[in-house]
PDB file of all heavy atoms in Angstrom:
ATOM      1  N   SER A   1      59.163 149.054 131.089  1.00  0.00           N
ATOM      2  CA  SER A   1      59.389 148.346 132.350  1.00  0.00           C
ATOM      3  C   SER A   1      60.158 149.240 133.323  1.00  0.00           C
ATOM      4  O   SER A   1      61.080 149.961 132.936  1.00  0.00           O
ATOM      5  CB  SER A   1      60.171 147.052 132.100  1.00  0.00           C
ATOM      6  OG  SER A   1      59.411 146.146 131.325  1.00  0.00           O
ATOM      7  N   LEU A   2      59.752 149.149 134.572  1.00  0.00           N
ATOM      8  CA  LEU A   2      60.397 149.915 135.631  1.00  0.00           C
ATOM      9  C   LEU A   2      61.323 148.994 136.414  1.00  0.00           C
ATOM     10  O   LEU A   2      60.910 147.901 136.826  1.00  0.00           O
ATOM     11  CB  LEU A   2      59.337 150.504 136.565  1.00  0.00           C
ATOM     12  CG  LEU A   2      59.839 151.273 137.791  1.00  0.00           C
ATOM     13  CD1 LEU A   2      60.522 152.563 137.371  1.00  0.00           C
ATOM     14  CD2 LEU A   2      58.673 151.563 138.748  1.00  0.00           C
ATOM     15  N   THR A   3      62.583 149.394 136.575  1.00  0.00           N
ATOM     16  CA  THR A   3      63.538 148.586 137.330  1.00  0.00           C
ATOM     17  C   THR A   3      63.610 149.068 138.766  1.00  0.00           C
ATOM     18  O   THR A   3      63.826 150.256 139.034  1.00  0.00           O
ATOM     19  CB  THR A   3      64.940 148.662 136.703  1.00  0.00           C
ATOM     20  OG1 THR A   3      64.877 148.135 135.373  1.00  0.00           O
ATOM     21  CG2 THR A   3      65.946 147.844 137.513  1.00  0.00           C
ATOM     22  N   ILE A   4      63.444 148.096 139.673  1.00  0.00           N
ATOM     23  CA  ILE A   4      63.566 148.392 141.105  1.00  0.00           C
ATOM     24  C   ILE A   4      64.875 147.771 141.572  1.00  0.00           C
ATOM     25  O   ILE A   4      65.005 146.533 141.601  1.00  0.00           O
ATOM     26  CB  ILE A   4      62.390 147.801 141.900  1.00  0.00           C
ATOM     27  CG1 ILE A   4      61.056 148.233 141.274  1.00  0.00           C
ATOM     28  CG2 ILE A   4      62.460 148.222 143.364  1.00  0.00           C
ATOM     29  CD1 ILE A   4      59.870 147.461 141.797  1.00  0.00           C
ATOM     30  N   PRO A   5      65.885 148.566 141.886  1.00  0.00           N
ATOM     31  CA  PRO A   5      67.176 148.000 142.307  1.00  0.00           C
ATOM     32  C   PRO A   5      67.009 147.139 143.561  1.00  0.00           C
ATOM     33  O   PRO A   5      66.216 147.466 144.459  1.00  0.00           O
ATOM     34  CB  PRO A   5      68.034 149.226 142.590  1.00  0.00           C
ATOM     35  CG  PRO A   5      67.391 150.325 141.800  1.00  0.00           C
ATOM     36  CD  PRO A   5      65.919 150.037 141.847  1.00  0.00           C
ATOM     37  N   LYS A   6      67.726 146.029 143.587  1.00  0.00           N
ATOM     38  CA  LYS A   6      67.667 145.142 144.755  1.00  0.00           C
ATOM     39  C   LYS A   6      68.090 145.930 146.009  1.00  0.00           C
ATOM     40  O   LYS A   6      68.921 146.838 145.945  1.00  0.00           O
ATOM     41  CB  LYS A   6      68.550 143.928 144.560  1.00  0.00           C
ATOM     42  CG  LYS A   6      70.041 144.229 144.449  1.00  0.00           C
ATOM     43  CD  LYS A   6      70.858 142.960 144.277  1.00  0.00           C
ATOM     44  CE  LYS A   6      72.351 143.269 144.181  1.00  0.00           C
ATOM     45  NZ  LYS A   6      73.165 142.040 144.027  1.00  0.00           N
ATOM     46  N   GLY A   7      67.492 145.585 147.112  1.00  0.00           N
ATOM     47  CA  GLY A   7      67.825 146.251 148.370  1.00  0.00           C
ATOM     48  C   GLY A   7      67.179 147.610 148.547  1.00  0.00           C
ATOM     49  O   GLY A   7      67.518 148.334 149.483  1.00  0.00           O
ATOM     50  N   THR A   8      66.242 147.971 147.633  1.00  0.00           N
ATOM     51  CA  THR A   8      65.624 149.304 147.728  1.00  0.00           C
ATOM     52  C   THR A   8      64.103 149.187 147.749  1.00  0.00           C
ATOM     53  O   THR A   8      63.527 148.130 147.454  1.00  0.00           O
ATOM     54  CB  THR A   8      66.032 150.201 146.549  1.00  0.00           C
ATOM     55  OG1 THR A   8      65.483 149.665 145.339  1.00  0.00           O
ATOM     56  CG2 THR A   8      67.544 150.298 146.436  1.00  0.00           C
ATOM     57  N   VAL A   9      63.467 150.315 148.057  1.00  0.00           N
ATOM     58  CA  VAL A   9      62.016 150.439 148.009  1.00  0.00           C
ATOM     59  C   VAL A   9      61.674 151.577 147.056  1.00  0.00           C
ATOM     60  O   VAL A   9      62.168 152.698 147.221  1.00  0.00           O
ATOM     61  CB  VAL A   9      61.416 150.725 149.404  1.00  0.00           C
ATOM     62  CG1 VAL A   9      59.902 150.902 149.308  1.00  0.00           C
ATOM     63  CG2 VAL A   9      61.768 149.611 150.380  1.00  0.00           C
ATOM     64  N   LYS A  10      60.863 151.315 146.073  1.00  0.00           N
ATOM     65  CA  LYS A  10      60.426 152.338 145.110  1.00  0.00           C
ATOM     66  C   LYS A  10      59.007 152.784 145.481  1.00  0.00           C
ATOM     67  O   LYS A  10      58.109 151.951 145.699  1.00  0.00           O
ATOM     68  CB  LYS A  10      60.445 151.770 143.703  1.00  0.00           C
ATOM     69  CG  LYS A  10      59.851 152.684 142.640  1.00  0.00           C
ATOM     70  CD  LYS A  10      60.716 153.911 142.385  1.00  0.00           C
ATOM     71  CE  LYS A  10      62.004 153.544 141.652  1.00  0.00           C
ATOM     72  NZ  LYS A  10      62.774 154.751 141.287  1.00  0.00           N
ATOM     73  N   THR A  11      58.813 154.104 145.542  1.00  0.00           N
ATOM     74  CA  THR A  11      57.494 154.655 145.858  1.00  0.00           C
ATOM     75  C   THR A  11      56.911 155.298 144.610  1.00  0.00           C
ATOM     76  O   THR A  11      57.540 156.168 144.002  1.00  0.00           O
ATOM     77  CB  THR A  11      57.571 155.682 146.994  1.00  0.00           C
ATOM     78  OG1 THR A  11      58.088 155.049 148.169  1.00  0.00           O
ATOM     79  CG2 THR A  11      56.196 156.264 147.299  1.00  0.00           C
ATOM     80  N   LEU A  12      55.717 154.883 144.238  1.00  0.00           N
ATOM     81  CA  LEU A  12      55.011 155.440 143.091  1.00  0.00           C
ATOM     82  C   LEU A  12      53.761 156.168 143.571  1.00  0.00           C
ATOM     83  O   LEU A  12      53.041 155.672 144.441  1.00  0.00           O
ATOM     84  CB  LEU A  12      54.626 154.333 142.106  1.00  0.00           C
ATOM     85  CG  LEU A  12      55.761 153.460 141.559  1.00  0.00           C
ATOM     86  CD1 LEU A  12      55.192 152.431 140.590  1.00  0.00           C
ATOM     87  CD2 LEU A  12      56.828 154.314 140.893  1.00  0.00           C
ATOM     88  N   ALA A  13      53.500 157.339 143.002  1.00  0.00           N
ATOM     89  CA  ALA A  13      52.311 158.114 143.341  1.00  0.00           C
ATOM     90  C   ALA A  13      51.181 157.766 142.388  1.00  0.00           C
ATOM     91  O   ALA A  13      51.385 157.645 141.176  1.00  0.00           O
ATOM     92  CB  ALA A  13      52.614 159.608 143.273  1.00  0.00           C
ATOM     93  N   VAL A  14      49.975 157.607 142.942  1.00  0.00           N
ATOM     94  CA  VAL A  14      48.769 157.395 142.146  1.00  0.00           C
ATOM     95  C   VAL A  14      48.059 158.738 142.023  1.00  0.00           C
ATOM     96  O   VAL A  14      47.552 159.277 143.012  1.00  0.00           O
ATOM     97  CB  VAL A  14      47.834 156.365 142.810  1.00  0.00           C
ATOM     98  CG1 VAL A  14      46.591 156.142 141.943  1.00  0.00           C
ATOM     99  CG2 VAL A  14      48.564 155.058 143.057  1.00  0.00           C
ATOM    100  N   LYS A  15      48.039 159.295 140.788  1.00  0.00           N
ATOM    101  CA  LYS A  15      47.426 160.604 140.565  1.00  0.00           C
ATOM    102  C   LYS A  15      46.262 160.463 139.605  1.00  0.00           C
ATOM    103  O   LYS A  15      46.373 159.791 138.570  1.00  0.00           O
ATOM    104  CB  LYS A  15      48.443 161.592 140.002  1.00  0.00           C
ATOM    105  CG  LYS A  15      49.603 161.902 140.944  1.00  0.00           C
ATOM    106  CD  LYS A  15      50.502 162.993 140.374  1.00  0.00           C
ATOM    107  CE  LYS A  15      51.657 163.314 141.321  1.00  0.00           C
ATOM    108  NZ  LYS A  15      52.497 164.422 140.815  1.00  0.00           N
ATOM    109  N   CYS A  16      45.145 161.130 139.937  1.00  0.00           N
ATOM    110  CA  CYS A  16      43.948 161.093 139.091  1.00  0.00           C
ATOM    111  C   CYS A  16      43.321 162.486 139.034  1.00  0.00           C
ATOM    112  O   CYS A  16      43.565 163.346 139.888  1.00  0.00           O
ATOM    113  CB  CYS A  16      42.910 160.116 139.641  1.00  0.00           C
ATOM    114  SG  CYS A  16      43.407 158.389 139.654  1.00  0.00           S
ATOM    115  N   ASN A  17      42.457 162.663 138.021  1.00  0.00           N
ATOM    116  CA  ASN A  17      41.590 163.829 137.947  1.00  0.00           C
ATOM    117  C   ASN A  17      40.240 163.444 138.539  1.00  0.00           C
ATOM    118  O   ASN A  17      39.815 162.281 138.459  1.00  0.00           O
ATOM    119  CB  ASN A  17      41.401 164.282 136.500  1.00  0.00           C
ATOM    120  CG  ASN A  17      42.718 164.590 135.827  1.00  0.00           C
ATOM    121  OD1 ASN A  17      43.667 165.043 136.462  1.00  0.00           O
ATOM    122  ND2 ASN A  17      42.792 164.344 134.518  1.00  0.00           N
ATOM    123  N   LEU A  18      39.561 164.439 139.131  1.00  0.00           N
ATOM    124  CA  LEU A  18      38.268 164.197 139.757  1.00  0.00           C
ATOM    125  C   LEU A  18      37.239 165.113 139.122  1.00  0.00           C
ATOM    126  O   LEU A  18      37.455 166.325 138.998  1.00  0.00           O
ATOM    127  CB  LEU A  18      38.357 164.459 141.263  1.00  0.00           C
ATOM    128  CG  LEU A  18      37.153 164.082 142.120  1.00  0.00           C
ATOM    129  CD1 LEU A  18      36.882 162.591 142.044  1.00  0.00           C
ATOM    130  CD2 LEU A  18      37.402 164.496 143.572  1.00  0.00           C
ATOM    131  N   GLY A  19      36.119 164.549 138.691  1.00  0.00           N
ATOM    132  CA  GLY A  19      35.085 165.335 138.028  1.00  0.00           C
ATOM    133  C   GLY A  19      34.458 166.367 138.942  1.00  0.00           C
ATOM    134  O   GLY A  19      34.438 166.229 140.168  1.00  0.00           O
ATOM    135  N   THR A  20      33.901 167.405 138.332  1.00  0.00           N
ATOM    136  CA  THR A  20      33.329 168.517 139.101  1.00  0.00           C
ATOM    137  C   THR A  20      32.077 168.113 139.864  1.00  0.00           C
ATOM    138  O   THR A  20      31.691 168.771 140.820  1.00  0.00           O
ATOM    139  CB  THR A  20      33.001 169.690 138.172  1.00  0.00           C
ATOM    140  OG1 THR A  20      32.116 169.232 137.123  1.00  0.00           O
ATOM    141  CG2 THR A  20      34.268 170.254 137.543  1.00  0.00           C
ATOM    142  N   GLY A  21      31.420 167.016 139.454  1.00  0.00           N
ATOM    143  CA  GLY A  21      30.202 166.604 140.139  1.00  0.00           C
ATOM    144  C   GLY A  21      30.430 165.591 141.234  1.00  0.00           C
ATOM    145  O   GLY A  21      29.464 165.083 141.823  1.00  0.00           O
ATOM    146  N   ALA A  22      31.682 165.282 141.529  1.00  0.00           N
ATOM    147  CA  ALA A  22      31.980 164.251 142.529  1.00  0.00           C
ATOM    148  C   ALA A  22      31.616 164.715 143.927  1.00  0.00           C
ATOM    149  O   ALA A  22      31.643 165.905 144.237  1.00  0.00           O
ATOM    150  CB  ALA A  22      33.449 163.878 142.470  1.00  0.00           C
ATOM    151  N   SER A  23      31.284 163.746 144.781  1.00  0.00           N
ATOM    152  CA  SER A  23      30.994 164.048 146.185  1.00  0.00           C
ATOM    153  C   SER A  23      31.279 162.805 147.007  1.00  0.00           C
ATOM    154  O   SER A  23      31.558 161.740 146.470  1.00  0.00           O
ATOM    155  CB  SER A  23      29.533 164.472 146.355  1.00  0.00           C
ATOM    156  OG  SER A  23      28.665 163.412 145.972  1.00  0.00           O
ATOM    157  N   GLY A  24      31.191 162.930 148.318  1.00  0.00           N
ATOM    158  CA  GLY A  24      31.433 161.793 149.193  1.00  0.00           C
ATOM    159  C   GLY A  24      32.904 161.639 149.517  1.00  0.00           C
ATOM    160  O   GLY A  24      33.619 162.623 149.715  1.00  0.00           O
ATOM    161  N   SER A  25      33.396 160.384 149.557  1.00  0.00           N
ATOM    162  CA  SER A  25      34.789 160.135 149.905  1.00  0.00           C
ATOM    163  C   SER A  25      35.273 158.859 149.232  1.00  0.00           C
ATOM    164  O   SER A  25      34.481 157.987 148.877  1.00  0.00           O
ATOM    165  CB  SER A  25      34.967 160.040 151.424  1.00  0.00           C
ATOM    166  OG  SER A  25      34.114 159.031 151.951  1.00  0.00           O
ATOM    167  N   ALA A  26      36.569 158.748 149.066  1.00  0.00           N
ATOM    168  CA  ALA A  26      37.146 157.593 148.366  1.00  0.00           C
ATOM    169  C   ALA A  26      38.572 157.389 148.814  1.00  0.00           C
ATOM    170  O   ALA A  26      39.183 158.270 149.445  1.00  0.00           O
ATOM    171  CB  ALA A  26      37.091 157.820 146.859  1.00  0.00           C
ATOM    172  N   ARG A  27      39.123 156.208 148.456  1.00  0.00           N
ATOM    173  CA  ARG A  27      40.522 155.931 148.714  1.00  0.00           C
ATOM    174  C   ARG A  27      41.025 154.870 147.729  1.00  0.00           C
ATOM    175  O   ARG A  27      40.247 154.093 147.172  1.00  0.00           O
ATOM    176  CB  ARG A  27      40.738 155.463 150.149  1.00  0.00           C
ATOM    177  CG  ARG A  27      39.963 154.216 150.547  1.00  0.00           C
ATOM    178  CD  ARG A  27      40.170 153.871 152.003  1.00  0.00           C
ATOM    179  NE  ARG A  27      39.416 152.660 152.383  1.00  0.00           N
ATOM    180  CZ  ARG A  27      39.551 152.053 153.553  1.00  0.00           C
ATOM    181  NH1 ARG A  27      40.378 152.545 154.457  1.00  0.00           N
ATOM    182  NH2 ARG A  27      38.840 150.975 153.828  1.00  0.00           N
ATOM    183  N   PHE A  28      42.330 154.871 147.521  1.00  0.00           N
ATOM    184  CA  PHE A  28      42.982 153.882 146.674  1.00  0.00           C
ATOM    185  C   PHE A  28      43.936 153.048 147.539  1.00  0.00           C
ATOM    186  O   PHE A  28      44.293 153.453 148.643  1.00  0.00           O
ATOM    187  CB  PHE A  28      43.789 154.564 145.564  1.00  0.00           C
ATOM    188  CG  PHE A  28      42.944 155.142 144.467  1.00  0.00           C
ATOM    189  CD1 PHE A  28      42.417 156.428 144.564  1.00  0.00           C
ATOM    190  CD2 PHE A  28      42.686 154.415 143.318  1.00  0.00           C
ATOM    191  CE1 PHE A  28      41.660 156.968 143.553  1.00  0.00           C
ATOM    192  CE2 PHE A  28      41.922 154.948 142.292  1.00  0.00           C
ATOM    193  CZ  PHE A  28      41.398 156.226 142.405  1.00  0.00           C
ATOM    194  N   GLY A  29      44.362 151.903 146.980  1.00  0.00           N
ATOM    195  CA  GLY A  29      45.301 151.115 147.743  1.00  0.00           C
ATOM    196  C   GLY A  29      45.723 149.841 147.045  1.00  0.00           C
ATOM    197  O   GLY A  29      45.616 149.702 145.823  1.00  0.00           O
ATOM    198  N   VAL A  30      46.183 148.879 147.835  1.00  0.00           N
ATOM    199  CA  VAL A  30      46.681 147.583 147.373  1.00  0.00           C
ATOM    200  C   VAL A  30      45.784 146.496 147.942  1.00  0.00           C
ATOM    201  O   VAL A  30      45.560 146.433 149.150  1.00  0.00           O
ATOM    202  CB  VAL A  30      48.142 147.370 147.827  1.00  0.00           C
ATOM    203  CG1 VAL A  30      48.619 145.967 147.457  1.00  0.00           C
ATOM    204  CG2 VAL A  30      49.046 148.436 147.234  1.00  0.00           C
ATOM    205  N   ASN A  31      45.256 145.667 147.042  1.00  0.00           N
ATOM    206  CA  ASN A  31      44.391 144.569 147.479  1.00  0.00           C
ATOM    207  C   ASN A  31      44.429 143.483 146.405  1.00  0.00           C
ATOM    208  O   ASN A  31      43.581 143.410 145.529  1.00  0.00           O
ATOM    209  CB  ASN A  31      42.961 145.058 147.695  1.00  0.00           C
ATOM    210  CG  ASN A  31      42.073 144.019 148.348  1.00  0.00           C
ATOM    211  OD1 ASN A  31      42.400 142.834 148.360  1.00  0.00           O
ATOM    212  ND2 ASN A  31      40.941 144.467 148.882  1.00  0.00           N
ATOM    213  N   GLY A  32      45.477 142.623 146.475  1.00  0.00           N
ATOM    214  CA  GLY A  32      45.629 141.546 145.500  1.00  0.00           C
ATOM    215  C   GLY A  32      46.017 142.078 144.135  1.00  0.00           C
ATOM    216  O   GLY A  32      46.630 143.138 143.992  1.00  0.00           O
ATOM    217  N   GLY A  33      45.637 141.322 143.103  1.00  0.00           N
ATOM    218  CA  GLY A  33      45.973 141.714 141.750  1.00  0.00           C
ATOM    219  C   GLY A  33      47.244 141.041 141.282  1.00  0.00           C
ATOM    220  O   GLY A  33      47.984 140.429 142.056  1.00  0.00           O
ATOM    221  N   THR A  34      47.510 141.126 139.957  1.00  0.00           N
ATOM    222  CA  THR A  34      48.660 140.475 139.346  1.00  0.00           C
ATOM    223  C   THR A  34      49.728 141.499 138.999  1.00  0.00           C
ATOM    224  O   THR A  34      49.447 142.503 138.335  1.00  0.00           O
ATOM    225  CB  THR A  34      48.242 139.734 138.069  1.00  0.00           C
ATOM    226  OG1 THR A  34      47.242 138.757 138.402  1.00  0.00           O
ATOM    227  CG2 THR A  34      49.433 139.043 137.422  1.00  0.00           C
ATOM    228  N   TYR A  35      50.946 141.229 139.473  1.00  0.00           N
ATOM    229  CA  TYR A  35      52.075 142.103 139.189  1.00  0.00           C
ATOM    230  C   TYR A  35      52.979 141.384 138.188  1.00  0.00           C
ATOM    231  O   TYR A  35      53.493 140.289 138.460  1.00  0.00           O
ATOM    232  CB  TYR A  35      52.865 142.403 140.475  1.00  0.00           C
ATOM    233  CG  TYR A  35      52.080 143.244 141.464  1.00  0.00           C
ATOM    234  CD1 TYR A  35      51.100 142.663 142.269  1.00  0.00           C
ATOM    235  CD2 TYR A  35      52.305 144.604 141.584  1.00  0.00           C
ATOM    236  CE1 TYR A  35      50.367 143.411 143.163  1.00  0.00           C
ATOM    237  CE2 TYR A  35      51.569 145.363 142.472  1.00  0.00           C
ATOM    238  CZ  TYR A  35      50.605 144.771 143.256  1.00  0.00           C
ATOM    239  OH  TYR A  35      49.879 145.533 144.135  1.00  0.00           O
TER     240      TYR A  35
END
């Protein structure tokens, strides 16, 4: 579990590997889901 101290903002980086055959464009983000 990750603790986020009250009164603060925690920033997490989303890092992935990308296959050699990939092309086009993409993006990640926040859209609903259960926390």
